[in-house]
Protein backbone atom coordinates (compact mmCIF):
# COMPACT_ATOMS: atom_id res chain seq x y z
CA MET A 1 159.45 179.64 82.14
CA ARG A 2 157.97 179.04 86.47
CA LEU A 3 154.76 177.41 86.38
CA LEU A 4 152.94 180.25 87.31
CA GLU A 5 154.02 182.47 84.31
CA VAL A 6 152.95 179.87 82.19
CA ALA A 7 149.47 179.65 84.24
CA SER A 8 149.52 183.49 83.64
CA ALA A 9 149.67 183.21 79.84
CA SER A 10 147.49 180.68 79.40
CA LEU A 11 144.88 182.51 81.70
CA ARG A 12 145.83 185.98 79.46
CA ALA A 13 145.42 183.75 76.49
CA ARG A 14 142.07 182.63 76.94
CA GLY A 15 141.12 186.27 77.47
CA ARG A 16 141.07 186.39 82.01
CA GLU A 17 143.43 188.50 84.05
CA PRO A 18 144.98 185.69 86.98
CA ASP A 19 143.49 188.58 89.63
CA GLU A 20 140.18 187.54 87.89
CA VAL A 21 140.94 183.80 89.15
CA PRO A 22 140.62 182.64 92.80
CA LEU A 23 142.10 179.29 92.53
CA PHE A 24 145.26 180.81 90.67
CA LEU A 25 145.38 183.33 93.72
CA GLY A 26 145.36 180.04 95.75
CA SER A 27 147.60 178.20 93.90
CA SER A 28 149.94 181.07 93.62
CA GLY A 29 150.00 181.92 97.75
CA VAL A 30 150.41 178.67 98.83
CA ILE A 31 153.60 178.29 97.23
CA ALA A 32 154.26 181.61 98.42
CA ALA A 33 154.08 179.78 102.09
CA ILE A 34 156.07 176.45 101.18
CA ARG A 35 158.74 178.05 99.72
CA GLY A 36 158.71 180.47 103.13
CA ASP A 37 157.59 183.82 101.71
CA THR A 38 155.18 184.65 103.78
CA LEU A 39 154.97 188.58 102.63
CA GLU A 40 154.22 187.04 99.16
CA ALA A 41 151.44 184.74 100.09
CA ARG A 42 149.47 187.17 102.76
CA ALA A 43 149.64 189.79 99.19
CA TYR A 44 147.66 186.51 97.42
CA TYR A 45 145.68 186.21 100.70
CA GLU A 46 144.96 190.13 100.48
CA ARG A 47 143.99 190.05 96.24
CA LEU A 48 141.62 187.28 97.13
CA GLU A 49 139.65 189.98 99.62
CA GLU A 50 137.70 190.61 96.61
CA HIS A 51 136.33 187.22 95.62
CA GLN A 52 135.11 186.42 99.32
CA GLU A 53 131.52 187.14 97.96
CA ALA A 54 131.46 183.40 96.47
CA GLY A 55 132.91 180.88 98.70
CA ASP A 56 135.49 180.01 96.47
CA GLY A 57 137.95 183.51 97.54
CA LEU A 58 137.32 181.94 101.33
CA PHE A 59 138.19 178.33 100.21
CA ASN A 60 141.68 179.93 98.50
CA GLN A 61 142.12 182.34 101.53
CA ALA A 62 141.82 178.78 103.75
CA VAL A 63 143.79 177.30 102.01
CA ILE A 64 146.62 179.82 102.24
CA ALA A 65 146.83 181.04 105.81
CA ALA A 66 146.43 176.66 105.81
CA HIS A 67 150.15 177.08 104.72
CA LEU A 68 151.28 180.01 106.32
CA GLY A 69 150.32 178.26 109.66
CA GLU A 70 147.51 179.64 110.86
CA LYS A 71 144.97 177.08 111.05
CA ASP A 72 142.44 178.24 113.66
CA LEU A 73 142.10 180.99 110.91
CA ALA A 74 141.96 178.60 108.04
CA VAL A 75 139.17 176.54 109.62
CA ARG A 76 137.03 179.82 109.94
CA LEU A 77 137.26 180.80 106.50
CA LEU A 78 136.34 177.14 105.63
CA GLY A 79 133.18 177.84 107.06
CA ARG A 80 132.17 180.99 105.84
CA ALA A 81 132.90 179.62 102.65
CA HIS A 82 130.48 176.67 103.26
CA ALA A 83 127.78 178.73 104.99
CA LYS A 84 127.83 180.79 101.39
CA GLY A 85 127.17 177.44 99.55
CA ALA A 86 130.60 176.06 99.36
CA SER A 87 130.05 171.97 99.84
CA ILE A 88 133.07 171.15 101.94
CA HIS A 89 132.77 167.58 100.09
CA GLY A 90 133.65 168.83 97.24
CA TRP A 91 137.04 170.63 98.82
CA GLY A 92 139.13 168.01 98.55
CA HIS A 93 139.87 168.36 101.85
CA ASP A 94 141.92 165.29 101.84
CA SER A 95 144.42 166.75 99.15
CA GLY A 96 147.86 168.16 99.45
CA PHE A 97 145.93 171.67 100.01
CA PHE A 98 144.54 170.83 103.30
CA ALA A 99 147.51 168.76 104.18
CA PRO A 100 149.21 171.00 107.12
CA LEU A 101 145.46 170.69 108.82
CA TRP A 102 144.62 166.96 108.41
CA ASN A 103 145.67 166.11 111.93
CA TYR A 104 144.34 169.72 113.33
CA ALA A 105 140.57 168.58 115.31
CA PRO A 106 138.79 171.35 114.25
CA PHE A 107 139.18 170.49 110.71
CA GLN A 108 138.36 167.29 111.03
CA GLU A 109 134.92 168.11 112.87
CA LEU A 110 134.83 170.31 109.93
CA VAL A 111 135.16 167.89 107.28
CA ARG A 112 133.18 165.38 109.30
CA PRO A 113 130.39 164.19 107.37
CA LYS A 114 127.08 164.86 109.38
CA GLU A 115 124.06 163.09 109.52
């Protein structure tokens, strides 16, 4: 059984649908982008539209955008997530989620600690 199928089954066993969980949608979109399935990655990105009121929906859209090579969009989405109260330093900005942005100057500026 594929990892996403296992995760979906686990969520359902806990009474939640995968489309209700931004982290599931974001991770699924990243996996699709890494596989080169741009259409599937964009479909997960679109499903996150309904989660934008909270910073986690925007955060997960940013992760997908980063892996699709849309660096400017990813940074804009992260900025919007931060404006909604998401902590930049709680994002794991040095994790593999943001590997495509590590050396991107606007991303570095966004995550640089401010005084």
